[in-house]
Amino acid sequence: MTQPAPAPTDRTTVRRQPARAAYDEATVHAILDEAWIAHVGFAADGVPMVIPMAHWRVGDRLYLHGAPASRIMRTIREGGEICVAVTLLDGLVLARSAFNHSMNYRSVVVLGRPVVVADADEKRTILDVFVEKVARGRAAEVRGPSAGELAGTLLLALPIVEASAKVRQGPPKDDEADLTWPVWTGVIPLTLVAGDPVAG
């Protein structure tokens, strides 16, 4: 059941183009589910870092995984707060002026402090969901992770509590003074399309 939109925090309130903001669970979850890559921001030794990572959602938690020895995983495991951003690019918006060119997009930012998923059975279940996101039905067909592989994978769960979405859709918004400018305007749609499978 869709939950009502939570009140945005000071950190998640969209201030630039606030009409494009959404805070409701359905919008945030749908964008997170469709996106394949998240950019995860964190601070390591006082230096800001952003790392692209695969992500997936189960209920009201966003999951990330990686090698326990990696810098991002070490930093987060030690209690670091992270910022997760995903973006779906839907189209290029061509206007009559250079200034009014834009893009149609759907994006989400999630802030918070993830927790380590330590229970082996829970890890197996959550990792199966990730495999299913990649290819439905695949988790039942492949060999599951061994005890060593589980131990070598750090699984993090980030509660989707402090989050906001921002969406821009539709045609260009030209200034009235530019409406007679003799140039094509409109939207060039962009989609991510899977190609034909290539056997490994």
N, C-alpha and C. Protein backbone atom coordinates (compact mmCIF):
# COMPACT_ATOMS: atom_id res chain seq x y z
N MET A 1 0.85 -1.19 0.00
CA MET A 1 0.00 0.00 0.00
C MET A 1 0.88 1.24 0.00
N THR A 2 0.54 2.22 -0.80
CA THR A 2 1.32 3.44 -0.89
C THR A 2 1.19 4.26 0.39
N GLN A 3 2.33 4.68 0.89
CA GLN A 3 2.35 5.50 2.09
C GLN A 3 2.25 6.97 1.71
N PRO A 4 1.67 7.78 2.58
CA PRO A 4 1.62 9.22 2.29
C PRO A 4 3.03 9.79 2.25
N ALA A 5 3.17 10.90 1.55
CA ALA A 5 4.48 11.52 1.43
C ALA A 5 4.93 12.03 2.79
N PRO A 6 6.13 11.61 3.25
CA PRO A 6 6.63 12.14 4.52
C PRO A 6 7.05 13.59 4.35
N ALA A 7 7.05 14.30 5.44
CA ALA A 7 7.51 15.69 5.38
C ALA A 7 8.99 15.69 5.05
N PRO A 8 9.40 16.45 4.04
CA PRO A 8 10.83 16.48 3.71
C PRO A 8 11.63 17.12 4.84
N THR A 9 12.84 16.66 5.00
CA THR A 9 13.73 17.27 5.99
C THR A 9 14.39 18.49 5.34
N ASP A 10 15.12 19.23 6.14
CA ASP A 10 15.83 20.38 5.60
C ASP A 10 16.83 19.94 4.54
N ARG A 11 17.39 18.74 4.71
CA ARG A 11 18.39 18.25 3.76
C ARG A 11 17.78 17.71 2.47
N THR A 12 16.52 17.30 2.51
CA THR A 12 15.92 16.72 1.30
C THR A 12 14.92 17.66 0.62
N THR A 13 14.67 18.81 1.19
CA THR A 13 13.75 19.75 0.56
C THR A 13 14.35 20.28 -0.74
N VAL A 14 13.61 20.13 -1.83
CA VAL A 14 14.06 20.62 -3.14
C VAL A 14 13.78 22.11 -3.22
N ARG A 15 14.82 22.90 -3.38
CA ARG A 15 14.66 24.34 -3.39
C ARG A 15 14.69 24.94 -4.79
N ARG A 16 15.43 24.33 -5.68
CA ARG A 16 15.48 24.78 -7.07
C ARG A 16 14.40 24.04 -7.84
N GLN A 17 13.46 24.74 -8.45
CA GLN A 17 12.31 24.13 -9.15
C GLN A 17 11.52 23.21 -8.20
N PRO A 18 11.02 23.74 -7.08
CA PRO A 18 10.31 22.90 -6.11
C PRO A 18 9.06 22.23 -6.66
N ALA A 19 8.48 22.77 -7.74
CA ALA A 19 7.30 22.12 -8.32
C ALA A 19 7.62 20.75 -8.90
N ARG A 20 8.88 20.50 -9.17
CA ARG A 20 9.28 19.20 -9.72
C ARG A 20 9.54 18.16 -8.62
N ALA A 21 9.45 18.56 -7.38
CA ALA A 21 9.79 17.66 -6.28
C ALA A 21 8.66 16.69 -5.96
N ALA A 22 9.03 15.51 -5.50
CA ALA A 22 8.08 14.52 -4.99
C ALA A 22 8.74 13.82 -3.82
N TYR A 23 7.94 13.56 -2.80
CA TYR A 23 8.47 12.92 -1.61
C TYR A 23 7.73 11.63 -1.26
N ASP A 24 6.73 11.28 -2.08
CA ASP A 24 5.91 10.12 -1.75
C ASP A 24 6.65 8.82 -2.06
N GLU A 25 6.30 7.80 -1.32
CA GLU A 25 6.93 6.49 -1.42
C GLU A 25 6.85 5.90 -2.82
N ALA A 26 5.69 6.01 -3.45
CA ALA A 26 5.50 5.38 -4.76
C ALA A 26 6.46 5.95 -5.80
N THR A 27 6.60 7.27 -5.84
CA THR A 27 7.49 7.90 -6.81
C THR A 27 8.94 7.55 -6.53
N VAL A 28 9.35 7.68 -5.28
CA VAL A 28 10.73 7.39 -4.91
C VAL A 28 11.09 5.94 -5.21
N HIS A 29 10.23 5.01 -4.81
CA HIS A 29 10.50 3.59 -5.02
C HIS A 29 10.55 3.23 -6.50
N ALA A 30 9.63 3.78 -7.28
CA ALA A 30 9.59 3.45 -8.71
C ALA A 30 10.88 3.87 -9.42
N ILE A 31 11.39 5.03 -9.08
CA ILE A 31 12.63 5.49 -9.71
C ILE A 31 13.80 4.64 -9.27
N LEU A 32 13.88 4.34 -7.99
CA LEU A 32 14.97 3.49 -7.49
C LEU A 32 14.93 2.11 -8.15
N ASP A 33 13.72 1.57 -8.34
CA ASP A 33 13.60 0.24 -8.91
C ASP A 33 13.99 0.20 -10.39
N GLU A 34 13.70 1.26 -11.12
CA GLU A 34 14.00 1.26 -12.55
C GLU A 34 15.47 1.52 -12.83
N ALA A 35 16.12 2.28 -11.96
CA ALA A 35 17.52 2.62 -12.18
C ALA A 35 18.43 1.42 -11.91
N TRP A 36 19.53 1.37 -12.64
CA TRP A 36 20.49 0.27 -12.50
C TRP A 36 21.72 0.67 -11.69
N ILE A 37 22.09 1.93 -11.77
CA ILE A 37 23.32 2.39 -11.12
C ILE A 37 23.01 3.56 -10.19
N ALA A 38 23.56 3.48 -8.99
CA ALA A 38 23.48 4.59 -8.05
C ALA A 38 24.87 5.19 -7.88
N HIS A 39 24.93 6.49 -7.70
CA HIS A 39 26.19 7.13 -7.36
C HIS A 39 26.16 7.42 -5.87
N VAL A 40 27.12 6.82 -5.18
CA VAL A 40 27.14 6.85 -3.72
C VAL A 40 28.24 7.80 -3.25
N GLY A 41 27.82 8.83 -2.54
CA GLY A 41 28.75 9.82 -2.03
C GLY A 41 29.06 9.57 -0.56
N PHE A 42 30.33 9.74 -0.21
CA PHE A 42 30.76 9.54 1.18
C PHE A 42 32.06 10.33 1.38
N ALA A 43 32.47 10.48 2.61
CA ALA A 43 33.73 11.17 2.91
C ALA A 43 34.71 10.17 3.49
N ALA A 44 35.90 10.10 2.90
CA ALA A 44 36.95 9.20 3.37
C ALA A 44 38.18 10.03 3.71
N ASP A 45 38.55 10.02 4.97
CA ASP A 45 39.70 10.79 5.43
C ASP A 45 39.57 12.26 5.05
N GLY A 46 38.35 12.77 5.16
CA GLY A 46 38.10 14.17 4.89
C GLY A 46 38.00 14.54 3.42
N VAL A 47 38.07 13.53 2.54
CA VAL A 47 38.00 13.77 1.10
C VAL A 47 36.66 13.29 0.56
N PRO A 48 35.87 14.14 -0.14
CA PRO A 48 34.59 13.67 -0.70
C PRO A 48 34.83 12.73 -1.86
N MET A 49 34.09 11.64 -1.87
CA MET A 49 34.21 10.62 -2.91
C MET A 49 32.81 10.28 -3.43
N VAL A 50 32.71 9.93 -4.71
CA VAL A 50 31.47 9.44 -5.30
C VAL A 50 31.82 8.21 -6.12
N ILE A 51 31.14 7.10 -5.81
CA ILE A 51 31.43 5.82 -6.47
C ILE A 51 30.14 5.29 -7.10
N PRO A 52 30.15 4.90 -8.38
CA PRO A 52 28.97 4.25 -8.97
C PRO A 52 28.86 2.82 -8.47
N MET A 53 27.66 2.43 -8.08
CA MET A 53 27.43 1.09 -7.53
C MET A 53 26.08 0.56 -8.00
N ALA A 54 26.00 -0.74 -8.14
CA ALA A 54 24.70 -1.38 -8.35
C ALA A 54 23.89 -1.28 -7.05
N HIS A 55 22.59 -1.17 -7.20
CA HIS A 55 21.73 -1.05 -6.03
C HIS A 55 20.43 -1.79 -6.29
N TRP A 56 19.70 -2.09 -5.24
CA TRP A 56 18.35 -2.64 -5.38
C TRP A 56 17.59 -2.38 -4.10
N ARG A 57 16.28 -2.52 -4.20
CA ARG A 57 15.39 -2.19 -3.08
C ARG A 57 14.57 -3.40 -2.67
N VAL A 58 14.41 -3.56 -1.36
CA VAL A 58 13.46 -4.52 -0.80
C VAL A 58 12.67 -3.77 0.27
N GLY A 59 11.38 -3.59 0.04
CA GLY A 59 10.56 -2.85 0.99
C GLY A 59 11.04 -1.41 1.11
N ASP A 60 11.29 -0.99 2.33
CA ASP A 60 11.71 0.40 2.55
C ASP A 60 13.21 0.50 2.81
N ARG A 61 13.96 -0.45 2.23
CA ARG A 61 15.42 -0.40 2.37
C ARG A 61 16.09 -0.49 1.01
N LEU A 62 17.15 0.28 0.86
CA LEU A 62 17.97 0.26 -0.33
C LEU A 62 19.24 -0.52 0.01
N TYR A 63 19.64 -1.43 -0.91
CA TYR A 63 20.79 -2.29 -0.62
C TYR A 63 21.96 -2.00 -1.56
N LEU A 64 23.16 -2.10 -0.97
CA LEU A 64 24.42 -1.96 -1.69
C LEU A 64 25.32 -3.11 -1.25
N HIS A 65 26.20 -3.55 -2.13
CA HIS A 65 27.12 -4.61 -1.72
C HIS A 65 28.49 -4.38 -2.33
N GLY A 66 29.48 -4.98 -1.70
CA GLY A 66 30.83 -4.83 -2.19
C GLY A 66 31.82 -5.62 -1.35
N ALA A 67 33.08 -5.50 -1.69
CA ALA A 67 34.14 -6.20 -0.96
C ALA A 67 34.37 -5.51 0.38
N PRO A 68 34.46 -6.27 1.47
CA PRO A 68 34.66 -5.65 2.79
C PRO A 68 35.90 -4.80 2.87
N ALA A 69 36.92 -5.08 2.06
CA ALA A 69 38.17 -4.33 2.14
C ALA A 69 38.17 -3.05 1.32
N SER A 70 37.12 -2.83 0.52
CA SER A 70 37.10 -1.63 -0.32
C SER A 70 36.97 -0.38 0.55
N ARG A 71 37.46 0.74 0.03
CA ARG A 71 37.46 1.98 0.81
C ARG A 71 36.06 2.41 1.19
N ILE A 72 35.13 2.34 0.24
CA ILE A 72 33.77 2.79 0.55
C ILE A 72 33.13 1.91 1.60
N MET A 73 33.33 0.60 1.48
CA MET A 73 32.72 -0.30 2.45
C MET A 73 33.35 -0.15 3.83
N ARG A 74 34.65 0.03 3.89
CA ARG A 74 35.32 0.24 5.18
C ARG A 74 34.81 1.52 5.83
N THR A 75 34.69 2.58 5.04
CA THR A 75 34.25 3.86 5.58
C THR A 75 32.83 3.78 6.11
N ILE A 76 31.95 3.17 5.32
CA ILE A 76 30.54 3.10 5.73
C ILE A 76 30.38 2.18 6.93
N ARG A 77 31.11 1.08 6.94
CA ARG A 77 31.00 0.13 8.05
C ARG A 77 31.42 0.77 9.36
N GLU A 78 32.29 1.74 9.28
CA GLU A 78 32.75 2.43 10.49
C GLU A 78 31.79 3.51 10.94
N GLY A 79 30.62 3.57 10.31
CA GLY A 79 29.58 4.49 10.78
C GLY A 79 29.39 5.71 9.93
N GLY A 80 29.95 5.71 8.73
CA GLY A 80 29.82 6.88 7.88
C GLY A 80 28.43 7.06 7.30
N GLU A 81 28.04 8.30 7.11
CA GLU A 81 26.77 8.62 6.46
C GLU A 81 27.02 8.74 4.96
N ILE A 82 26.02 8.36 4.17
CA ILE A 82 26.18 8.39 2.72
C ILE A 82 25.04 9.15 2.06
N CYS A 83 25.28 9.53 0.82
CA CYS A 83 24.26 10.13 -0.04
C CYS A 83 24.19 9.28 -1.29
N VAL A 84 23.02 8.75 -1.60
CA VAL A 84 22.81 7.90 -2.77
C VAL A 84 21.95 8.66 -3.78
N ALA A 85 22.43 8.77 -5.01
CA ALA A 85 21.69 9.49 -6.06
C ALA A 85 21.54 8.59 -7.28
N VAL A 86 20.33 8.53 -7.81
CA VAL A 86 20.08 7.82 -9.07
C VAL A 86 19.36 8.77 -10.02
N THR A 87 19.61 8.61 -11.32
CA THR A 87 18.97 9.45 -12.32
C THR A 87 18.58 8.62 -13.53
N LEU A 88 17.37 8.82 -14.00
CA LEU A 88 16.89 8.22 -15.25
C LEU A 88 16.73 9.35 -16.25
N LEU A 89 17.46 9.28 -17.36
CA LEU A 89 17.39 10.32 -18.38
C LEU A 89 16.36 9.91 -19.43
N ASP A 90 15.29 10.69 -19.57
CA ASP A 90 14.17 10.34 -20.45
C ASP A 90 14.17 11.09 -21.78
N GLY A 91 14.87 12.20 -21.88
CA GLY A 91 14.86 12.91 -23.14
C GLY A 91 15.67 14.19 -23.11
N LEU A 92 16.06 14.63 -24.31
CA LEU A 92 16.73 15.92 -24.47
C LEU A 92 15.69 16.94 -24.93
N VAL A 93 15.62 18.06 -24.28
CA VAL A 93 14.60 19.08 -24.55
C VAL A 93 15.26 20.24 -25.28
N LEU A 94 14.88 20.43 -26.55
CA LEU A 94 15.48 21.45 -27.40
C LEU A 94 14.52 22.64 -27.54
N ALA A 95 14.97 23.77 -27.06
CA ALA A 95 14.15 24.98 -27.07
C ALA A 95 14.63 25.94 -28.15
N ARG A 96 13.98 27.10 -28.24
CA ARG A 96 14.36 28.11 -29.23
C ARG A 96 15.56 28.94 -28.78
N SER A 97 15.84 28.94 -27.50
CA SER A 97 17.01 29.64 -26.98
C SER A 97 17.94 28.63 -26.33
N ALA A 98 19.22 28.95 -26.36
CA ALA A 98 20.19 28.06 -25.70
C ALA A 98 19.88 27.95 -24.21
N PHE A 99 19.47 29.06 -23.61
CA PHE A 99 19.23 29.09 -22.17
C PHE A 99 18.13 28.13 -21.74
N ASN A 100 17.11 27.95 -22.57
CA ASN A 100 15.94 27.14 -22.19
C ASN A 100 16.05 25.67 -22.60
N HIS A 101 17.18 25.25 -23.14
CA HIS A 101 17.38 23.82 -23.37
C HIS A 101 17.38 23.10 -22.03
N SER A 102 16.92 21.86 -22.03
CA SER A 102 16.82 21.14 -20.76
C SER A 102 16.88 19.64 -21.03
N MET A 103 16.56 18.87 -20.03
CA MET A 103 16.46 17.42 -20.13
C MET A 103 15.23 16.97 -19.36
N ASN A 104 14.56 15.94 -19.86
CA ASN A 104 13.52 15.27 -19.09
C ASN A 104 14.19 14.16 -18.30
N TYR A 105 13.89 14.11 -17.02
CA TYR A 105 14.58 13.15 -16.15
C TYR A 105 13.73 12.81 -14.94
N ARG A 106 14.12 11.75 -14.27
CA ARG A 106 13.56 11.36 -12.97
C ARG A 106 14.73 11.03 -12.07
N SER A 107 14.80 11.62 -10.91
CA SER A 107 15.95 11.39 -10.04
C SER A 107 15.50 11.24 -8.59
N VAL A 108 16.35 10.58 -7.82
CA VAL A 108 16.10 10.39 -6.39
C VAL A 108 17.41 10.57 -5.64
N VAL A 109 17.33 11.21 -4.48
CA VAL A 109 18.45 11.30 -3.56
C VAL A 109 18.00 10.72 -2.22
N VAL A 110 18.82 9.82 -1.67
CA VAL A 110 18.54 9.22 -0.36
C VAL A 110 19.74 9.49 0.54
N LEU A 111 19.47 9.98 1.73
CA LEU A 111 20.51 10.26 2.71
C LEU A 111 20.34 9.34 3.92
N GLY A 112 21.45 8.99 4.54
CA GLY A 112 21.31 8.20 5.76
C GLY A 112 22.56 7.42 6.11
N ARG A 113 22.41 6.62 7.14
CA ARG A 113 23.50 5.81 7.67
C ARG A 113 23.12 4.33 7.51
N PRO A 114 23.76 3.63 6.59
CA PRO A 114 23.39 2.23 6.38
C PRO A 114 23.86 1.33 7.52
N VAL A 115 23.23 0.17 7.58
CA VAL A 115 23.61 -0.84 8.57
C VAL A 115 24.06 -2.09 7.84
N VAL A 116 24.94 -2.85 8.47
CA VAL A 116 25.45 -4.08 7.89
C VAL A 116 24.44 -5.20 8.10
N VAL A 117 24.17 -5.95 7.03
CA VAL A 117 23.34 -7.15 7.13
C VAL A 117 24.28 -8.31 7.42
N ALA A 118 24.23 -8.85 8.63
CA ALA A 118 25.20 -9.86 9.06
C ALA A 118 24.67 -11.28 8.98
N ASP A 119 23.36 -11.46 9.14
CA ASP A 119 22.79 -12.81 9.15
C ASP A 119 22.94 -13.47 7.78
N ALA A 120 23.52 -14.67 7.74
CA ALA A 120 23.81 -15.34 6.47
C ALA A 120 22.55 -15.64 5.68
N ASP A 121 21.50 -16.11 6.35
CA ASP A 121 20.26 -16.44 5.64
C ASP A 121 19.62 -15.19 5.05
N GLU A 122 19.65 -14.11 5.82
CA GLU A 122 19.09 -12.85 5.31
C GLU A 122 19.91 -12.35 4.13
N LYS A 123 21.22 -12.48 4.22
CA LYS A 123 22.07 -12.05 3.11
C LYS A 123 21.74 -12.83 1.84
N ARG A 124 21.58 -14.14 1.96
CA ARG A 124 21.25 -14.96 0.79
C ARG A 124 19.94 -14.50 0.15
N THR A 125 18.95 -14.26 0.99
CA THR A 125 17.64 -13.85 0.49
C THR A 125 17.72 -12.51 -0.22
N ILE A 126 18.42 -11.55 0.37
CA ILE A 126 18.51 -10.22 -0.21
C ILE A 126 19.34 -10.24 -1.49
N LEU A 127 20.41 -11.02 -1.51
CA LEU A 127 21.23 -11.11 -2.72
C LEU A 127 20.46 -11.79 -3.85
N ASP A 128 19.58 -12.74 -3.52
CA ASP A 128 18.73 -13.36 -4.54
C ASP A 128 17.84 -12.32 -5.20
N VAL A 129 17.37 -11.36 -4.43
CA VAL A 129 16.53 -10.30 -5.00
C VAL A 129 17.32 -9.51 -6.02
N PHE A 130 18.59 -9.27 -5.73
CA PHE A 130 19.44 -8.56 -6.69
C PHE A 130 19.59 -9.35 -7.99
N VAL A 131 19.83 -10.65 -7.86
CA VAL A 131 19.94 -11.49 -9.06
C VAL A 131 18.64 -11.45 -9.86
N GLU A 132 17.51 -11.45 -9.17
CA GLU A 132 16.22 -11.39 -9.84
C GLU A 132 16.00 -10.06 -10.55
N LYS A 133 16.57 -8.98 -9.99
CA LYS A 133 16.47 -7.69 -10.68
C LYS A 133 17.23 -7.74 -11.99
N VAL A 134 18.38 -8.41 -11.99
CA VAL A 134 19.18 -8.52 -13.21
C VAL A 134 18.46 -9.36 -14.25
N ALA A 135 17.89 -10.49 -13.84
CA ALA A 135 17.20 -11.39 -14.77
C ALA A 135 16.18 -12.21 -13.99
N ARG A 136 14.91 -11.97 -14.26
CA ARG A 136 13.85 -12.66 -13.53
C ARG A 136 13.95 -14.17 -13.73
N GLY A 137 13.87 -14.90 -12.62
CA GLY A 137 13.95 -16.35 -12.65
C GLY A 137 15.36 -16.90 -12.54
N ARG A 138 16.34 -16.00 -12.58
CA ARG A 138 17.74 -16.42 -12.60
C ARG A 138 18.21 -16.99 -11.27
N ALA A 139 17.72 -16.48 -10.17
CA ALA A 139 18.19 -16.93 -8.86
C ALA A 139 17.95 -18.41 -8.64
N ALA A 140 16.86 -18.94 -9.21
CA ALA A 140 16.54 -20.35 -9.04
C ALA A 140 17.38 -21.25 -9.95
N GLU A 141 18.03 -20.66 -10.95
CA GLU A 141 18.77 -21.45 -11.94
C GLU A 141 20.26 -21.55 -11.64
N VAL A 142 20.82 -20.53 -11.01
CA VAL A 142 22.27 -20.49 -10.83
C VAL A 142 22.67 -21.05 -9.47
N ARG A 143 23.98 -21.34 -9.32
CA ARG A 143 24.49 -21.75 -8.02
C ARG A 143 24.46 -20.55 -7.09
N GLY A 144 23.95 -20.75 -5.92
CA GLY A 144 23.92 -19.68 -4.94
C GLY A 144 25.28 -19.43 -4.35
N PRO A 145 25.44 -18.34 -3.60
CA PRO A 145 26.75 -18.02 -3.03
C PRO A 145 27.18 -19.05 -1.99
N SER A 146 28.46 -19.37 -2.02
CA SER A 146 29.03 -20.27 -1.03
C SER A 146 29.24 -19.51 0.28
N ALA A 147 29.59 -20.25 1.32
CA ALA A 147 29.85 -19.60 2.61
C ALA A 147 31.00 -18.62 2.48
N GLY A 148 32.02 -18.98 1.70
CA GLY A 148 33.15 -18.09 1.50
C GLY A 148 32.78 -16.84 0.72
N GLU A 149 31.93 -17.02 -0.29
CA GLU A 149 31.48 -15.87 -1.08
C GLU A 149 30.62 -14.93 -0.25
N LEU A 150 29.78 -15.51 0.61
CA LEU A 150 28.97 -14.67 1.51
C LEU A 150 29.86 -13.88 2.45
N ALA A 151 30.87 -14.56 3.00
CA ALA A 151 31.77 -13.88 3.93
C ALA A 151 32.57 -12.79 3.22
N GLY A 152 32.81 -12.96 1.94
CA GLY A 152 33.57 -11.98 1.17
C GLY A 152 32.73 -10.88 0.57
N THR A 153 31.45 -10.83 0.94
CA THR A 153 30.55 -9.80 0.44
C THR A 153 29.95 -9.04 1.61
N LEU A 154 30.18 -7.75 1.63
CA LEU A 154 29.56 -6.91 2.66
C LEU A 154 28.26 -6.36 2.10
N LEU A 155 27.17 -6.61 2.79
CA LEU A 155 25.85 -6.17 2.36
C LEU A 155 25.37 -5.08 3.30
N LEU A 156 25.00 -3.95 2.70
CA LEU A 156 24.55 -2.80 3.48
C LEU A 156 23.10 -2.48 3.18
N ALA A 157 22.36 -2.14 4.21
CA ALA A 157 20.96 -1.75 4.07
C ALA A 157 20.79 -0.30 4.50
N LEU A 158 20.26 0.51 3.59
CA LEU A 158 20.02 1.93 3.89
C LEU A 158 18.52 2.17 3.98
N PRO A 159 17.99 2.50 5.16
CA PRO A 159 16.56 2.81 5.26
C PRO A 159 16.20 4.01 4.38
N ILE A 160 15.11 3.85 3.62
CA ILE A 160 14.68 4.95 2.73
C ILE A 160 13.73 5.83 3.53
N VAL A 161 14.34 6.65 4.38
CA VAL A 161 13.58 7.52 5.26
C VAL A 161 13.74 8.98 4.84
N GLU A 162 14.98 9.38 4.62
CA GLU A 162 15.26 10.76 4.23
C GLU A 162 15.55 10.78 2.73
N ALA A 163 14.51 11.03 1.94
CA ALA A 163 14.63 10.90 0.49
C ALA A 163 13.75 11.91 -0.22
N SER A 164 14.16 12.26 -1.44
CA SER A 164 13.33 13.12 -2.28
C SER A 164 13.54 12.75 -3.73
N ALA A 165 12.51 12.96 -4.52
CA ALA A 165 12.58 12.75 -5.97
C ALA A 165 12.42 14.10 -6.65
N LYS A 166 12.95 14.17 -7.88
CA LYS A 166 12.77 15.37 -8.69
C LYS A 166 12.54 14.91 -10.12
N VAL A 167 11.50 15.44 -10.75
CA VAL A 167 11.08 14.97 -12.06
C VAL A 167 10.84 16.16 -12.98
N ARG A 168 11.38 16.08 -14.20
CA ARG A 168 11.07 17.06 -15.23
C ARG A 168 10.59 16.30 -16.46
N GLN A 169 9.37 16.58 -16.92
CA GLN A 169 8.80 15.95 -18.11
C GLN A 169 8.14 17.04 -18.95
N GLY A 170 8.00 16.75 -20.25
CA GLY A 170 7.26 17.67 -21.09
C GLY A 170 8.10 18.43 -22.09
N PRO A 171 7.46 19.29 -22.86
CA PRO A 171 8.12 20.01 -23.96
C PRO A 171 8.97 21.16 -23.44
N PRO A 172 9.70 21.81 -24.37
CA PRO A 172 10.47 22.99 -23.95
C PRO A 172 9.55 24.13 -23.52
N LYS A 173 10.09 24.98 -22.68
CA LYS A 173 9.35 26.15 -22.21
C LYS A 173 10.05 27.39 -22.75
N ASP A 174 9.56 27.85 -23.89
CA ASP A 174 10.17 28.99 -24.56
C ASP A 174 9.65 30.31 -24.00
N ASP A 175 10.51 31.30 -24.01
CA ASP A 175 10.07 32.65 -23.69
C ASP A 175 9.19 33.16 -24.83
N GLU A 176 8.19 33.95 -24.48
CA GLU A 176 7.26 34.45 -25.50
C GLU A 176 7.99 35.21 -26.61
N ALA A 177 9.04 35.90 -26.24
CA ALA A 177 9.76 36.69 -27.25
C ALA A 177 10.49 35.80 -28.26
N ASP A 178 10.67 34.53 -27.92
CA ASP A 178 11.41 33.62 -28.81
C ASP A 178 10.51 32.78 -29.70
N LEU A 179 9.19 32.88 -29.56
CA LEU A 179 8.29 31.95 -30.23
C LEU A 179 8.35 32.01 -31.75
N THR A 180 8.84 33.10 -32.31
CA THR A 180 8.94 33.19 -33.77
C THR A 180 10.34 32.83 -34.28
N TRP A 181 11.22 32.44 -33.38
CA TRP A 181 12.58 32.10 -33.80
C TRP A 181 12.53 30.85 -34.68
N PRO A 182 13.12 30.89 -35.89
CA PRO A 182 12.93 29.82 -36.88
C PRO A 182 13.85 28.62 -36.66
N VAL A 183 13.55 27.82 -35.65
CA VAL A 183 14.35 26.63 -35.38
C VAL A 183 13.42 25.54 -34.83
N TRP A 184 13.77 24.29 -35.10
CA TRP A 184 12.95 23.18 -34.60
C TRP A 184 13.06 23.10 -33.09
N THR A 185 11.94 22.82 -32.44
CA THR A 185 11.93 22.61 -30.99
C THR A 185 11.17 21.34 -30.69
N GLY A 186 11.45 20.76 -29.55
CA GLY A 186 10.75 19.55 -29.15
C GLY A 186 11.62 18.71 -28.24
N VAL A 187 11.23 17.43 -28.14
CA VAL A 187 11.91 16.50 -27.24
C VAL A 187 12.46 15.32 -28.05
N ILE A 188 13.71 14.98 -27.79
CA ILE A 188 14.30 13.77 -28.34
C ILE A 188 14.27 12.71 -27.24
N PRO A 189 13.36 11.73 -27.32
CA PRO A 189 13.25 10.74 -26.25
C PRO A 189 14.51 9.86 -26.18
N LEU A 190 14.88 9.50 -24.97
CA LEU A 190 15.99 8.59 -24.74
C LEU A 190 15.51 7.42 -23.88
N THR A 191 15.87 6.21 -24.28
CA THR A 191 15.50 5.03 -23.51
C THR A 191 16.69 4.08 -23.44
N LEU A 192 16.73 3.30 -22.39
CA LEU A 192 17.74 2.26 -22.24
C LEU A 192 17.13 0.96 -22.77
N VAL A 193 17.74 0.41 -23.81
CA VAL A 193 17.18 -0.78 -24.47
C VAL A 193 18.19 -1.90 -24.43
N ALA A 194 17.73 -3.08 -24.04
CA ALA A 194 18.60 -4.25 -24.02
C ALA A 194 18.84 -4.75 -25.43
N GLY A 195 20.07 -5.11 -25.74
CA GLY A 195 20.38 -5.70 -27.03
C GLY A 195 20.15 -7.20 -27.04
N ASP A 196 20.47 -7.84 -28.15
CA ASP A 196 20.33 -9.29 -28.25
C ASP A 196 21.36 -9.96 -27.33
N PRO A 197 20.96 -10.99 -26.60
CA PRO A 197 21.90 -11.68 -25.71
C PRO A 197 23.08 -12.27 -26.49
N VAL A 198 24.25 -12.20 -25.87
CA VAL A 198 25.47 -12.76 -26.44
C VAL A 198 25.96 -13.85 -25.50
N ALA A 199 26.05 -15.08 -25.98
CA ALA A 199 26.43 -16.21 -25.12
C ALA A 199 27.84 -16.04 -24.61
N GLY A 200 28.05 -16.42 -23.34
CA GLY A 200 29.38 -16.31 -22.74
C GLY A 200 30.17 -17.58 -22.84
